[in-house]
C-alpha atoms as a PDB file:
ATOM      1  CA  MET A   1      -9.612  12.410 -12.440  1.00  0.00           C
ATOM      2  CA  ALA A   2      -8.599   9.728 -15.019  1.00  0.00           C
ATOM      3  CA  SER A   3      -5.815   7.069 -14.733  1.00  0.00           C
ATOM      4  CA  LYS A   4      -3.854   4.839 -17.132  1.00  0.00           C
ATOM      5  CA  SER A   5      -6.333   2.040 -16.582  1.00  0.00           C
ATOM      6  CA  GLY A   6      -8.923   4.173 -18.414  1.00  0.00           C
ATOM      7  CA  LEU A   7     -10.935   4.651 -15.081  1.00  0.00           C
ATOM      8  CA  SER A   8     -11.995   7.929 -13.748  1.00  0.00           C
ATOM      9  CA  PHE A   9     -12.083   8.563 -10.013  1.00  0.00           C
ATOM     10  CA  SER A  10     -14.357  10.878  -8.138  1.00  0.00           C
ATOM     11  CA  VAL A  11     -15.115  11.623  -4.440  1.00  0.00           C
ATOM     12  CA  LEU A  12     -18.907  11.459  -4.111  1.00  0.00           C
ATOM     13  CA  ALA A  13     -20.612  14.273  -2.462  1.00  0.00           C
ATOM     14  CA  ALA A  14     -22.838  13.451   0.583  1.00  0.00           C
ATOM     15  CA  ALA A  15     -26.131  13.369  -1.553  1.00  0.00           C
ATOM     16  CA  GLU A  16     -24.451  11.077  -4.090  1.00  0.00           C
ATOM     17  CA  ILE A  17     -23.388   8.450  -1.438  1.00  0.00           C
ATOM     18  CA  SER A  18     -26.916   7.399  -0.861  1.00  0.00           C
ATOM     19  CA  GLU A  19     -27.642   7.191  -4.550  1.00  0.00           C
ATOM     20  CA  ALA A  20     -24.459   4.854  -4.880  1.00  0.00           C
ATOM     21  CA  LEU A  21     -25.366   2.392  -2.140  1.00  0.00           C
ATOM     22  CA  GLU A  22     -26.726  -0.206  -4.554  1.00  0.00           C
ATOM     23  CA  ASP A  23     -23.636  -0.203  -6.568  1.00  0.00           C
ATOM     24  CA  LEU A  24     -21.579  -0.312  -3.519  1.00  0.00           C
ATOM     25  CA  ALA A  25     -23.489  -3.434  -2.304  1.00  0.00           C
ATOM     26  CA  ARG A  26     -23.063  -5.098  -5.677  1.00  0.00           C
ATOM     27  CA  LEU A  27     -19.302  -4.629  -5.711  1.00  0.00           C
ATOM     28  CA  ARG A  28     -18.852  -5.567  -2.084  1.00  0.00           C
ATOM     29  CA  ILE A  29     -20.818  -8.853  -2.648  1.00  0.00           C
ATOM     30  CA  ALA A  30     -18.838  -9.600  -5.789  1.00  0.00           C
ATOM     31  CA  VAL A  31     -15.273  -8.788  -4.589  1.00  0.00           C
ATOM     32  CA  PHE A  32     -15.573 -10.020  -1.043  1.00  0.00           C
ATOM     33  CA  ALA A  33     -16.649 -13.444  -2.150  1.00  0.00           C
ATOM     34  CA  ASP A  34     -13.067 -14.183  -2.971  1.00  0.00           C
ATOM     35  CA  TRP A  35     -10.088 -14.938  -0.700  1.00  0.00           C
ATOM     36  CA  PRO A  36      -9.421 -13.757   2.023  1.00  0.00           C
ATOM     37  CA  TYR A  37     -12.878 -12.572   2.875  1.00  0.00           C
ATOM     38  CA  LEU A  38     -14.999 -15.464   1.545  1.00  0.00           C
ATOM     39  CA  TYR A  39     -18.039 -13.283   2.300  1.00  0.00           C
ATOM     40  CA  ASP A  40     -21.435 -14.929   1.564  1.00  0.00           C
ATOM     41  CA  GLY A  41     -23.124 -11.668   0.397  1.00  0.00           C
ATOM     42  CA  ASP A  42     -26.604 -10.798   1.764  1.00  0.00           C
ATOM     43  CA  ALA A  43     -28.471  -7.839   0.305  1.00  0.00           C
ATOM     44  CA  ALA A  44     -30.333  -7.118   3.490  1.00  0.00           C
ATOM     45  CA  TYR A  45     -27.090  -7.160   5.583  1.00  0.00           C
ATOM     46  CA  GLU A  46     -25.442  -4.858   3.080  1.00  0.00           C
ATOM     47  CA  LYS A  47     -28.417  -2.381   3.255  1.00  0.00           C
ATOM     48  CA  ARG A  48     -27.959  -2.121   7.012  1.00  0.00           C
ATOM     49  CA  TYR A  49     -24.294  -1.941   6.914  1.00  0.00           C
ATOM     50  CA  LEU A  50     -24.004   0.661   4.111  1.00  0.00           C
ATOM     51  CA  GLU A  51     -26.884   2.861   5.522  1.00  0.00           C
ATOM     52  CA  HIS A  52     -25.022   3.052   8.810  1.00  0.00           C
ATOM     53  CA  PHE A  53     -21.867   3.958   6.984  1.00  0.00           C
ATOM     54  CA  ALA A  54     -23.547   6.597   4.898  1.00  0.00           C
ATOM     55  CA  ALA A  55     -25.127   8.290   8.033  1.00  0.00           C
ATOM     56  CA  SER A  56     -21.719   9.406   9.219  1.00  0.00           C
ATOM     57  CA  PRO A  57     -21.260  13.272   8.294  1.00  0.00           C
ATOM     58  CA  GLY A  58     -17.510  12.358   7.444  1.00  0.00           C
ATOM     59  CA  ALA A  59     -18.353   9.398   5.324  1.00  0.00           C
ATOM     60  CA  VAL A  60     -16.199   9.337   2.047  1.00  0.00           C
ATOM     61  CA  VAL A  61     -16.636   7.238  -1.121  1.00  0.00           C
ATOM     62  CA  VAL A  62     -14.246   7.194  -3.918  1.00  0.00           C
ATOM     63  CA  ALA A  63     -15.858   5.812  -7.031  1.00  0.00           C
ATOM     64  CA  ALA A  64     -14.096   4.396 -10.005  1.00  0.00           C
ATOM     65  CA  ARG A  65     -16.037   4.299 -13.191  1.00  0.00           C
ATOM     66  CA  ASP A  66     -15.228   2.860 -16.483  1.00  0.00           C
ATOM     67  CA  ALA A  67     -15.437   4.686 -19.855  1.00  0.00           C
ATOM     68  CA  GLY A  68     -19.193   4.011 -20.060  1.00  0.00           C
ATOM     69  CA  GLY A  69     -19.721   5.499 -16.652  1.00  0.00           C
ATOM     70  CA  ARG A  70     -20.321   2.047 -14.770  1.00  0.00           C
ATOM     71  CA  MET A  71     -18.984   1.951 -11.267  1.00  0.00           C
ATOM     72  CA  VAL A  72     -16.490  -0.917 -11.272  1.00  0.00           C
ATOM     73  CA  GLY A  73     -14.817   0.000  -8.038  1.00  0.00           C
ATOM     74  CA  ALA A  74     -15.134   1.865  -4.833  1.00  0.00           C
ATOM     75  CA  ALA A  75     -13.320   2.725  -1.719  1.00  0.00           C
ATOM     76  CA  THR A  76     -14.907   3.891   1.410  1.00  0.00           C
ATOM     77  CA  ALA A  77     -13.755   5.681   4.615  1.00  0.00           C
ATOM     78  CA  ALA A  78     -15.302   7.508   7.687  1.00  0.00           C
ATOM     79  CA  PRO A  79     -14.126   8.772  11.094  1.00  0.00           C
ATOM     80  CA  LEU A  80     -13.543   5.697  13.171  1.00  0.00           C
ATOM     81  CA  ALA A  81     -15.805   6.747  15.920  1.00  0.00           C
ATOM     82  CA  ASP A  82     -18.687   6.727  13.401  1.00  0.00           C
ATOM     83  CA  HIS A  83     -17.928   3.423  11.946  1.00  0.00           C
ATOM     84  CA  ALA A  84     -18.934   0.000  13.460  1.00  0.00           C
ATOM     85  CA  LYS A  85     -18.305  -0.354  17.157  1.00  0.00           C
ATOM     86  CA  GLU A  86     -16.232  -3.574  16.537  1.00  0.00           C
ATOM     87  CA  PHE A  87     -13.412  -1.491  14.888  1.00  0.00           C
ATOM     88  CA  ALA A  88     -13.438   1.408  17.497  1.00  0.00           C
ATOM     89  CA  ALA A  89     -13.557  -0.753  20.581  1.00  0.00           C
ATOM     90  CA  PRO A  90      -9.971  -2.205  20.453  1.00  0.00           C
ATOM     91  CA  PHE A  91      -8.690   1.352  20.265  1.00  0.00           C
ATOM     92  CA  ALA A  92     -10.372   2.330  23.363  1.00  0.00           C
ATOM     93  CA  ARG A  93      -9.328  -0.791  25.221  1.00  0.00           C
ATOM     94  CA  ILE A  94      -5.655   0.187  24.838  1.00  0.00           C
ATOM     95  CA  GLY A  95      -6.185   3.814  25.739  1.00  0.00           C
ATOM     96  CA  LEU A  96      -6.418   5.288  22.142  1.00  0.00           C
ATOM     97  CA  ASP A  97      -9.183   7.776  21.446  1.00  0.00           C
ATOM     98  CA  PRO A  98     -11.164   6.402  18.424  1.00  0.00           C
ATOM     99  CA  ALA A  99     -12.090  10.002  17.608  1.00  0.00           C
ATOM    100  CA  GLY A 100      -8.438  10.658  16.546  1.00  0.00           C
ATOM    101  CA  PHE A 101      -8.456   8.133  13.661  1.00  0.00           C
ATOM    102  CA  PHE A 102      -9.951   8.011  10.132  1.00  0.00           C
ATOM    103  CA  TYR A 103     -11.012   4.638   9.120  1.00  0.00           C
ATOM    104  CA  MET A 104     -10.117   3.355   5.605  1.00  0.00           C
ATOM    105  CA  ALA A 105     -13.092   0.880   5.435  1.00  0.00           C
ATOM    106  CA  GLU A 106     -12.844  -0.953   2.095  1.00  0.00           C
ATOM    107  CA  SER A 107     -11.507  -0.919  -1.354  1.00  0.00           C
ATOM    108  CA  VAL A 108     -13.200  -3.089  -3.981  1.00  0.00           C
ATOM    109  CA  LEU A 109     -12.423  -3.276  -7.562  1.00  0.00           C
ATOM    110  CA  LEU A 110     -13.561  -5.783 -10.236  1.00  0.00           C
ATOM    111  CA  PRO A 111     -10.719  -8.147 -11.358  1.00  0.00           C
ATOM    112  CA  ASP A 112     -10.500  -6.781 -14.945  1.00  0.00           C
ATOM    113  CA  TYR A 113      -9.376  -3.395 -13.675  1.00  0.00           C
ATOM    114  CA  ARG A 114      -6.686  -4.436 -11.329  1.00  0.00           C
ATOM    115  CA  GLY A 115      -2.949  -3.812 -11.533  1.00  0.00           C
ATOM    116  CA  HIS A 116      -3.146  -0.380 -12.996  1.00  0.00           C
ATOM    117  CA  GLY A 117      -2.851   1.880  -9.916  1.00  0.00           C
ATOM    118  CA  ALA A 118      -6.349   2.005  -8.785  1.00  0.00           C
ATOM    119  CA  GLY A 119      -5.380   0.910  -5.184  1.00  0.00           C
ATOM    120  CA  ARG A 120      -2.929   3.785  -4.849  1.00  0.00           C
ATOM    121  CA  GLN A 121      -5.649   6.152  -6.035  1.00  0.00           C
ATOM    122  CA  PHE A 122      -8.140   4.808  -3.586  1.00  0.00           C
ATOM    123  CA  PHE A 123      -5.751   5.514  -0.789  1.00  0.00           C
ATOM    124  CA  ALA A 124      -4.530   8.938  -1.786  1.00  0.00           C
ATOM    125  CA  MET A 125      -7.968  10.179  -2.282  1.00  0.00           C
ATOM    126  CA  ARG A 126      -9.289   9.034   0.913  1.00  0.00           C
ATOM    127  CA  GLU A 127      -6.168  10.183   2.847  1.00  0.00           C
ATOM    128  CA  ALA A 128      -6.745  13.697   1.268  1.00  0.00           C
ATOM    129  CA  ALA A 129     -10.341  13.668   2.507  1.00  0.00           C
ATOM    130  CA  ALA A 130      -9.090  12.578   5.944  1.00  0.00           C
ATOM    131  CA  ARG A 131      -6.601  15.486   6.037  1.00  0.00           C
ATOM    132  CA  ALA A 132      -9.268  17.938   4.941  1.00  0.00           C
ATOM    133  CA  GLN A 133     -11.391  16.830   7.897  1.00  0.00           C
ATOM    134  CA  GLY A 134      -8.437  17.527  10.170  1.00  0.00           C
ATOM    135  CA  TYR A 135      -7.290  14.030  10.867  1.00  0.00           C
ATOM    136  CA  GLU A 136      -3.689  12.988  11.335  1.00  0.00           C
ATOM    137  CA  HIS A 137      -4.052   9.283  11.431  1.00  0.00           C
ATOM    138  CA  ALA A 138      -5.520   6.775   9.033  1.00  0.00           C
ATOM    139  CA  VAL A 139      -6.202   3.139   9.728  1.00  0.00           C
ATOM    140  CA  PHE A 140      -7.618   0.100   8.276  1.00  0.00           C
ATOM    141  CA  ALA A 141      -8.136  -3.511   9.192  1.00  0.00           C
ATOM    142  CA  SER A 142      -7.142  -6.717   7.227  1.00  0.00           C
ATOM    143  CA  VAL A 143      -8.771 -10.101   7.886  1.00  0.00           C
ATOM    144  CA  LEU A 144      -6.348 -12.799   9.225  1.00  0.00           C
ATOM    145  CA  ARG A 145      -6.581 -16.379   7.973  1.00  0.00           C
ATOM    146  CA  PRO A 146      -4.622 -19.395   8.652  1.00  0.00           C
ATOM    147  CA  ASP A 147      -1.880 -20.256   6.023  1.00  0.00           C
ATOM    148  CA  ASP A 148      -3.440 -23.746   5.814  1.00  0.00           C
ATOM    149  CA  HIS A 149      -6.976 -22.591   5.220  1.00  0.00           C
ATOM    150  CA  PRO A 150      -8.465 -24.975   2.667  1.00  0.00           C
ATOM    151  CA  SER A 151      -9.862 -22.016   0.530  1.00  0.00           C
ATOM    152  CA  ARG A 152      -6.441 -20.197   0.364  1.00  0.00           C
ATOM    153  CA  PRO A 153      -5.454 -20.118  -3.447  1.00  0.00           C
ATOM    154  CA  ALA A 154      -1.950 -21.594  -3.983  1.00  0.00           C
ATOM    155  CA  ASP A 155      -0.854 -18.381  -5.851  1.00  0.00           C
ATOM    156  CA  TYR A 156      -2.193 -15.958  -3.255  1.00  0.00           C
ATOM    157  CA  VAL A 157       0.124 -12.896  -2.615  1.00  0.00           C
ATOM    158  CA  PRO A 158      -0.893 -10.892   0.585  1.00  0.00           C
ATOM    159  CA  LEU A 159      -1.082  -7.169   0.205  1.00  0.00           C
ATOM    160  CA  HIS A 160       1.392  -6.425   2.962  1.00  0.00           C
ATOM    161  CA  GLY A 161       4.171  -5.181   0.609  1.00  0.00           C
ATOM    162  CA  PHE A 162       1.696  -2.855  -1.054  1.00  0.00           C
ATOM    163  CA  TRP A 163       0.388  -1.540   2.193  1.00  0.00           C
ATOM    164  CA  ARG A 164       3.867  -0.836   3.584  1.00  0.00           C
ATOM    165  CA  SER A 165       4.855   0.938   0.255  1.00  0.00           C
ATOM    166  CA  LEU A 166       2.033   3.525   1.052  1.00  0.00           C
ATOM    167  CA  GLY A 167       3.560   4.003   4.558  1.00  0.00           C
ATOM    168  CA  TYR A 168       1.146   1.706   6.564  1.00  0.00           C
ATOM    169  CA  GLU A 169       2.429  -0.590   9.195  1.00  0.00           C
ATOM    170  CA  PRO A 170       0.504  -3.230  11.551  1.00  0.00           C
ATOM    171  CA  TYR A 171      -0.186  -1.774  15.064  1.00  0.00           C
ATOM    172  CA  PRO A 172       1.273  -4.605  17.200  1.00  0.00           C
ATOM    173  CA  GLY A 173      -1.325  -6.289  19.280  1.00  0.00           C
ATOM    174  CA  LEU A 174      -4.258  -4.019  18.044  1.00  0.00           C
ATOM    175  CA  LEU A 175      -6.728  -6.647  16.638  1.00  0.00           C
ATOM    176  CA  ALA A 176     -10.460  -6.257  15.898  1.00  0.00           C
ATOM    177  CA  ALA A 177     -13.219  -8.816  15.640  1.00  0.00           C
ATOM    178  CA  PHE A 178     -16.015  -8.848  13.170  1.00  0.00           C
ATOM    179  CA  SER A 179     -18.601 -11.219  12.219  1.00  0.00           C
ATOM    180  CA  TRP A 180     -19.877 -12.352   8.766  1.00  0.00           C
ATOM    181  CA  ARG A 181     -21.114 -15.555   7.074  1.00  0.00           C
ATOM    182  CA  ASP A 182     -18.404 -17.296   5.121  1.00  0.00           C
ATOM    183  CA  ILE A 183     -19.419 -19.169   1.883  1.00  0.00           C
ATOM    184  CA  GLY A 184     -20.296 -22.640   2.854  1.00  0.00           C
ATOM    185  CA  GLU A 185     -21.345 -21.540   6.466  1.00  0.00           C
ATOM    186  CA  THR A 186     -24.857 -21.606   7.728  1.00  0.00           C
ATOM    187  CA  ALA A 187     -24.328 -18.757  10.311  1.00  0.00           C
ATOM    188  CA  GLU A 188     -22.079 -15.854  10.928  1.00  0.00           C
ATOM    189  CA  SER A 189     -18.622 -16.557  12.664  1.00  0.00           C
ATOM    190  CA  VAL A 190     -16.283 -14.155  14.293  1.00  0.00           C
ATOM    191  CA  LYS A 191     -13.129 -13.212  12.316  1.00  0.00           C
ATOM    192  CA  GLU A 192     -10.070 -11.526  13.609  1.00  0.00           C
ATOM    193  CA  LEU A 193      -8.605  -8.572  11.845  1.00  0.00           C
ATOM    194  CA  GLN A 194      -5.069  -6.823  12.212  1.00  0.00           C
ATOM    195  CA  VAL A 195      -5.209  -3.079  12.297  1.00  0.00           C
ATOM    196  CA  TRP A 196      -2.768  -1.099  10.136  1.00  0.00           C
ATOM    197  CA  GLY A 197      -2.038   2.500  10.355  1.00  0.00           C
ATOM    198  CA  ARG A 198       0.027   5.675   9.435  1.00  0.00           C
ATOM    199  CA  GLU A 199       0.394   9.162  10.273  1.00  0.00           C
ATOM    200  CA  LEU A 200      -0.919  11.594   7.502  1.00  0.00           C
END
């Protein structure tokens, strides 16, 4: 599937996901170094995280490739119950069965390709995959950072409006906690993330 940005989009088959893990790690490290994630990428961590993700029978990867066939973006998703326990646990704590939710894990796209509809394509194709697997609820989590954080860019515009335009709303009080090492840190620290969701 092609877009006006010149990118082509495809859902990777199960066998193709394992072959794409190196590209996924490269993109995650590059994109998540920026605000608001500030992730200090680690190849060994990426290998563990992505291998766990790929082990889910319901795992989905939407790949975005440029005209030369290079992967310049990707979006991942999997049944919430198969994803990292840190994301499923808050649901169980408030009486929601994680097995009923499809988790839209990450969307990463290199800066030169943004602003041409790839984000909408990433969500639409993952939501279609969720419906095909019988899910009626899609969720994701966004990292929370203080407005006065020293690394916050002066021109930063949160994606809340974009997410709402797709039908997503934050679940009041539903917060997840996940650890990674920020750029400039010597060790991992816990980050709080707000869960957003919608009915499919």
